N, C-alpha and C. Protein backbone atom coordinates (compact mmCIF):
# COMPACT_ATOMS: atom_id res chain seq x y z
N MET A 1 15.74 -10.18 1.83
CA MET A 1 15.95 -11.04 0.69
C MET A 1 15.24 -12.36 0.93
N THR A 2 14.52 -12.81 -0.05
CA THR A 2 13.83 -14.09 0.06
C THR A 2 14.56 -15.13 -0.77
N ILE A 3 14.36 -16.35 -0.39
CA ILE A 3 15.01 -17.45 -1.10
C ILE A 3 13.94 -18.45 -1.52
N SER A 4 13.99 -18.88 -2.74
CA SER A 4 12.98 -19.82 -3.22
C SER A 4 13.35 -21.24 -2.78
N THR A 5 12.35 -22.10 -2.85
CA THR A 5 12.57 -23.50 -2.48
C THR A 5 13.59 -24.15 -3.42
N THR A 6 13.52 -23.82 -4.68
CA THR A 6 14.47 -24.37 -5.65
C THR A 6 15.89 -23.97 -5.31
N MET A 7 16.09 -22.70 -4.98
CA MET A 7 17.42 -22.22 -4.64
C MET A 7 17.93 -22.89 -3.36
N LEU A 8 17.06 -23.06 -2.39
CA LEU A 8 17.44 -23.74 -1.15
C LEU A 8 17.85 -25.18 -1.42
N LEU A 9 17.11 -25.87 -2.28
CA LEU A 9 17.45 -27.26 -2.62
C LEU A 9 18.77 -27.33 -3.39
N ILE A 10 19.03 -26.35 -4.24
CA ILE A 10 20.30 -26.31 -4.96
C ILE A 10 21.46 -26.11 -3.99
N ILE A 11 21.30 -25.22 -3.03
CA ILE A 11 22.35 -24.97 -2.03
C ILE A 11 22.60 -26.23 -1.20
N ILE A 12 21.55 -26.89 -0.75
CA ILE A 12 21.69 -28.12 0.04
C ILE A 12 22.35 -29.21 -0.81
N GLY A 13 21.95 -29.34 -2.07
CA GLY A 13 22.55 -30.32 -2.96
C GLY A 13 24.03 -30.07 -3.18
N CYS A 14 24.39 -28.81 -3.39
CA CYS A 14 25.81 -28.46 -3.57
C CYS A 14 26.60 -28.76 -2.30
N CYS A 15 26.00 -28.51 -1.17
CA CYS A 15 26.66 -28.81 0.12
C CYS A 15 26.93 -30.31 0.24
N LEU A 16 25.94 -31.11 -0.09
CA LEU A 16 26.12 -32.56 -0.01
C LEU A 16 27.16 -33.07 -1.00
N VAL A 17 27.12 -32.55 -2.21
CA VAL A 17 28.08 -32.98 -3.23
C VAL A 17 29.50 -32.61 -2.82
N THR A 18 29.65 -31.52 -2.08
CA THR A 18 30.97 -31.11 -1.62
C THR A 18 31.40 -31.89 -0.39
N LEU A 19 30.51 -32.11 0.54
CA LEU A 19 30.88 -32.75 1.80
C LEU A 19 31.04 -34.27 1.71
N ILE A 20 30.19 -34.94 0.97
CA ILE A 20 30.23 -36.41 0.93
C ILE A 20 31.59 -36.95 0.49
N PRO A 21 32.19 -36.47 -0.61
CA PRO A 21 33.50 -37.01 -0.98
C PRO A 21 34.60 -36.69 0.03
N ARG A 22 34.42 -35.65 0.82
CA ARG A 22 35.44 -35.31 1.80
C ARG A 22 35.28 -36.09 3.10
N ILE A 23 34.06 -36.39 3.46
CA ILE A 23 33.80 -37.06 4.74
C ILE A 23 33.74 -38.58 4.59
N ALA A 24 33.26 -39.07 3.46
CA ALA A 24 33.09 -40.52 3.26
C ALA A 24 34.36 -41.33 3.51
N PRO A 25 35.53 -40.90 2.99
CA PRO A 25 36.73 -41.71 3.27
C PRO A 25 37.04 -41.82 4.77
N PHE A 26 36.83 -40.76 5.52
CA PHE A 26 37.09 -40.83 6.96
C PHE A 26 36.14 -41.80 7.65
N ILE A 27 34.89 -41.79 7.23
CA ILE A 27 33.91 -42.68 7.84
C ILE A 27 34.19 -44.13 7.43
N LEU A 28 34.46 -44.35 6.15
CA LEU A 28 34.68 -45.71 5.67
C LEU A 28 35.99 -46.32 6.17
N LEU A 29 37.02 -45.50 6.32
CA LEU A 29 38.33 -46.03 6.73
C LEU A 29 38.59 -45.90 8.24
N LYS A 30 37.57 -45.47 8.97
CA LYS A 30 37.72 -45.26 10.41
C LYS A 30 38.13 -46.55 11.14
N LYS A 31 37.52 -47.65 10.76
CA LYS A 31 37.78 -48.91 11.46
C LYS A 31 38.67 -49.85 10.66
N VAL A 32 39.20 -49.38 9.55
CA VAL A 32 40.06 -50.22 8.71
C VAL A 32 41.51 -49.83 8.97
N SER A 33 42.34 -50.83 9.11
CA SER A 33 43.77 -50.60 9.31
C SER A 33 44.47 -50.73 7.97
N LEU A 34 45.04 -49.64 7.49
CA LEU A 34 45.74 -49.66 6.21
C LEU A 34 47.18 -50.14 6.42
N PRO A 35 47.74 -50.78 5.40
CA PRO A 35 49.13 -51.21 5.50
C PRO A 35 50.07 -50.00 5.62
N LYS A 36 51.21 -50.22 6.23
CA LYS A 36 52.16 -49.13 6.46
C LYS A 36 52.61 -48.47 5.16
N TRP A 37 52.85 -49.28 4.11
CA TRP A 37 53.29 -48.70 2.85
C TRP A 37 52.25 -47.75 2.28
N MET A 38 50.96 -48.08 2.50
CA MET A 38 49.90 -47.22 1.98
C MET A 38 49.80 -45.92 2.77
N THR A 39 49.90 -45.99 4.09
CA THR A 39 49.86 -44.76 4.89
C THR A 39 51.07 -43.89 4.61
N ASP A 40 52.22 -44.52 4.38
CA ASP A 40 53.41 -43.74 4.00
C ASP A 40 53.19 -43.03 2.68
N TRP A 41 52.63 -43.76 1.71
CA TRP A 41 52.36 -43.18 0.40
C TRP A 41 51.33 -42.05 0.50
N LEU A 42 50.28 -42.26 1.26
CA LEU A 42 49.22 -41.25 1.41
C LEU A 42 49.72 -39.99 2.11
N SER A 43 50.76 -40.12 2.92
CA SER A 43 51.26 -38.94 3.64
C SER A 43 51.90 -37.92 2.70
N TYR A 44 52.27 -38.34 1.49
CA TYR A 44 52.88 -37.42 0.52
C TYR A 44 51.85 -36.66 -0.32
N ILE A 45 50.61 -37.06 -0.29
CA ILE A 45 49.61 -36.43 -1.15
C ILE A 45 49.43 -34.95 -0.84
N PRO A 46 49.29 -34.50 0.42
CA PRO A 46 49.15 -33.06 0.64
C PRO A 46 50.33 -32.25 0.10
N ILE A 47 51.54 -32.78 0.22
CA ILE A 47 52.72 -32.08 -0.29
C ILE A 47 52.64 -31.96 -1.80
N CYS A 48 52.21 -33.03 -2.45
CA CYS A 48 52.10 -33.02 -3.92
C CYS A 48 51.05 -32.02 -4.38
N ILE A 49 49.92 -31.98 -3.71
CA ILE A 49 48.86 -31.05 -4.09
C ILE A 49 49.31 -29.62 -3.89
N LEU A 50 49.93 -29.33 -2.75
CA LEU A 50 50.41 -27.98 -2.47
C LEU A 50 51.46 -27.56 -3.50
N THR A 51 52.36 -28.46 -3.83
CA THR A 51 53.39 -28.15 -4.83
C THR A 51 52.75 -27.85 -6.18
N ALA A 52 51.77 -28.64 -6.57
CA ALA A 52 51.10 -28.41 -7.86
C ALA A 52 50.41 -27.05 -7.88
N LEU A 53 49.77 -26.68 -6.79
CA LEU A 53 49.10 -25.38 -6.73
C LEU A 53 50.11 -24.23 -6.78
N ILE A 54 51.20 -24.38 -6.08
CA ILE A 54 52.21 -23.32 -6.05
C ILE A 54 52.86 -23.15 -7.42
N VAL A 55 53.27 -24.26 -8.01
CA VAL A 55 53.94 -24.19 -9.31
C VAL A 55 53.00 -23.63 -10.37
N GLN A 56 51.75 -24.04 -10.34
CA GLN A 56 50.78 -23.54 -11.30
C GLN A 56 50.60 -22.03 -11.15
N GLY A 57 50.57 -21.54 -9.91
CA GLY A 57 50.39 -20.11 -9.68
C GLY A 57 51.60 -19.27 -10.02
N MET A 58 52.78 -19.86 -9.97
CA MET A 58 54.01 -19.10 -10.21
C MET A 58 54.27 -18.86 -11.68
N TRP A 59 53.76 -19.69 -12.55
CA TRP A 59 54.04 -19.58 -13.98
C TRP A 59 52.84 -18.98 -14.70
N THR A 60 53.10 -18.07 -15.61
CA THR A 60 52.06 -17.52 -16.46
C THR A 60 52.48 -17.68 -17.92
N ALA A 61 51.49 -17.80 -18.78
CA ALA A 61 51.78 -17.93 -20.20
C ALA A 61 51.47 -16.62 -20.90
N GLU A 62 52.48 -16.07 -21.55
CA GLU A 62 52.30 -14.85 -22.33
C GLU A 62 52.92 -15.05 -23.70
N GLN A 63 52.11 -14.88 -24.71
CA GLN A 63 52.56 -15.01 -26.10
C GLN A 63 53.24 -16.36 -26.35
N GLY A 64 52.68 -17.40 -25.80
CA GLY A 64 53.20 -18.74 -26.03
C GLY A 64 54.43 -19.10 -25.23
N LYS A 65 54.87 -18.23 -24.33
CA LYS A 65 56.06 -18.51 -23.51
C LYS A 65 55.66 -18.58 -22.04
N LEU A 66 56.33 -19.48 -21.31
CA LEU A 66 56.10 -19.55 -19.86
C LEU A 66 57.00 -18.54 -19.17
N ILE A 67 56.39 -17.71 -18.35
CA ILE A 67 57.13 -16.67 -17.63
C ILE A 67 56.87 -16.85 -16.14
N ILE A 68 57.93 -16.81 -15.35
CA ILE A 68 57.78 -16.95 -13.90
C ILE A 68 57.28 -15.64 -13.32
N SER A 69 56.36 -15.74 -12.38
CA SER A 69 55.83 -14.56 -11.70
C SER A 69 56.68 -14.30 -10.46
N TRP A 70 57.48 -13.25 -10.51
CA TRP A 70 58.39 -12.96 -9.40
C TRP A 70 57.64 -12.53 -8.15
N HIS A 71 56.42 -12.06 -8.30
CA HIS A 71 55.62 -11.70 -7.12
C HIS A 71 55.39 -12.94 -6.24
N TYR A 72 55.01 -14.02 -6.91
CA TYR A 72 54.79 -15.26 -6.17
C TYR A 72 56.08 -15.81 -5.59
N MET A 73 57.16 -15.68 -6.32
CA MET A 73 58.46 -16.16 -5.83
C MET A 73 58.87 -15.40 -4.58
N LEU A 74 58.65 -14.09 -4.57
CA LEU A 74 59.02 -13.29 -3.39
C LEU A 74 58.19 -13.68 -2.17
N ALA A 75 56.95 -14.04 -2.38
CA ALA A 75 56.11 -14.48 -1.26
C ALA A 75 56.42 -15.92 -0.87
N LEU A 76 56.87 -16.71 -1.83
CA LEU A 76 57.15 -18.13 -1.57
C LEU A 76 58.37 -18.33 -0.67
N ILE A 77 59.37 -17.50 -0.84
CA ILE A 77 60.62 -17.69 -0.09
C ILE A 77 60.41 -17.65 1.43
N PRO A 78 59.81 -16.58 2.00
CA PRO A 78 59.60 -16.60 3.45
C PRO A 78 58.61 -17.67 3.90
N THR A 79 57.68 -18.03 3.02
CA THR A 79 56.71 -19.06 3.37
C THR A 79 57.38 -20.42 3.51
N VAL A 80 58.25 -20.75 2.58
CA VAL A 80 58.98 -22.03 2.65
C VAL A 80 59.90 -22.05 3.86
N ILE A 81 60.56 -20.94 4.13
CA ILE A 81 61.44 -20.87 5.31
C ILE A 81 60.64 -21.08 6.58
N ALA A 82 59.47 -20.44 6.68
CA ALA A 82 58.62 -20.61 7.86
C ALA A 82 58.14 -22.05 7.98
N ALA A 83 57.80 -22.67 6.85
CA ALA A 83 57.33 -24.05 6.88
C ALA A 83 58.42 -25.00 7.36
N LEU A 84 59.64 -24.82 6.85
CA LEU A 84 60.73 -25.69 7.25
C LEU A 84 61.17 -25.45 8.69
N TRP A 85 61.10 -24.21 9.11
CA TRP A 85 61.57 -23.87 10.45
C TRP A 85 60.57 -24.28 11.53
N THR A 86 59.28 -23.99 11.31
CA THR A 86 58.28 -24.24 12.35
C THR A 86 57.56 -25.58 12.21
N ARG A 87 57.46 -26.09 10.97
CA ARG A 87 56.70 -27.31 10.68
C ARG A 87 55.26 -27.19 11.15
N SER A 88 54.74 -25.97 11.11
CA SER A 88 53.37 -25.71 11.53
C SER A 88 52.58 -25.19 10.34
N LEU A 89 51.46 -25.84 10.06
CA LEU A 89 50.62 -25.42 8.95
C LEU A 89 50.05 -24.02 9.19
N ALA A 90 49.61 -23.75 10.42
CA ALA A 90 49.02 -22.44 10.72
C ALA A 90 50.04 -21.31 10.53
N VAL A 91 51.23 -21.50 11.04
CA VAL A 91 52.27 -20.47 10.90
C VAL A 91 52.63 -20.29 9.43
N THR A 92 52.72 -21.38 8.70
CA THR A 92 53.07 -21.31 7.27
C THR A 92 52.02 -20.54 6.49
N VAL A 93 50.75 -20.82 6.76
CA VAL A 93 49.67 -20.12 6.06
C VAL A 93 49.68 -18.64 6.40
N ILE A 94 49.87 -18.32 7.66
CA ILE A 94 49.88 -16.90 8.08
C ILE A 94 51.05 -16.17 7.42
N VAL A 95 52.23 -16.77 7.46
CA VAL A 95 53.40 -16.14 6.82
C VAL A 95 53.16 -15.98 5.33
N GLY A 96 52.58 -16.97 4.68
CA GLY A 96 52.31 -16.89 3.25
C GLY A 96 51.32 -15.79 2.90
N VAL A 97 50.26 -15.67 3.67
CA VAL A 97 49.26 -14.63 3.42
C VAL A 97 49.86 -13.25 3.65
N VAL A 98 50.60 -13.09 4.74
CA VAL A 98 51.23 -11.79 5.02
C VAL A 98 52.27 -11.46 3.96
N ALA A 99 53.07 -12.43 3.57
CA ALA A 99 54.09 -12.19 2.54
C ALA A 99 53.45 -11.77 1.22
N MET A 100 52.39 -12.45 0.82
CA MET A 100 51.72 -12.11 -0.44
C MET A 100 51.08 -10.73 -0.34
N ALA A 101 50.49 -10.41 0.82
CA ALA A 101 49.89 -9.09 1.00
C ALA A 101 50.95 -7.99 0.89
N LEU A 102 52.11 -8.22 1.50
CA LEU A 102 53.19 -7.22 1.43
C LEU A 102 53.72 -7.07 0.00
N VAL A 103 53.87 -8.19 -0.68
CA VAL A 103 54.34 -8.13 -2.08
C VAL A 103 53.35 -7.36 -2.93
N ARG A 104 52.07 -7.61 -2.76
CA ARG A 104 51.05 -6.90 -3.55
C ARG A 104 50.96 -5.43 -3.16
N MET A 105 51.18 -5.14 -1.88
CA MET A 105 51.09 -3.76 -1.42
C MET A 105 52.24 -2.91 -2.01
N PHE A 106 53.43 -3.50 -2.13
CA PHE A 106 54.59 -2.73 -2.58
C PHE A 106 54.89 -2.90 -4.08
N SER A 107 54.04 -3.62 -4.80
CA SER A 107 54.30 -3.75 -6.25
C SER A 107 53.28 -3.01 -7.07
């Protein structure tokens, strides 16, 4: 398979557009000391994003009504338990992936 120069430039451009917003804050704030209230506030952002993603995935709209997806709920229960018990992101992700795979396999 060959790749054209245009396609290579598009891939590199997409890489930069994706990486710069993710890396720039770390570089810019590396030597800056943020106030405690701000670091406390920022610590809640990952929880808020994860909650928004989970809630959005659990609800589906059918015929103008919101319906909860019980498949996601069944996978969510052991995932939340693992998260609260271990407080480990890696363990939580693994439990969540395995739980969702089992739910999909048996439904």
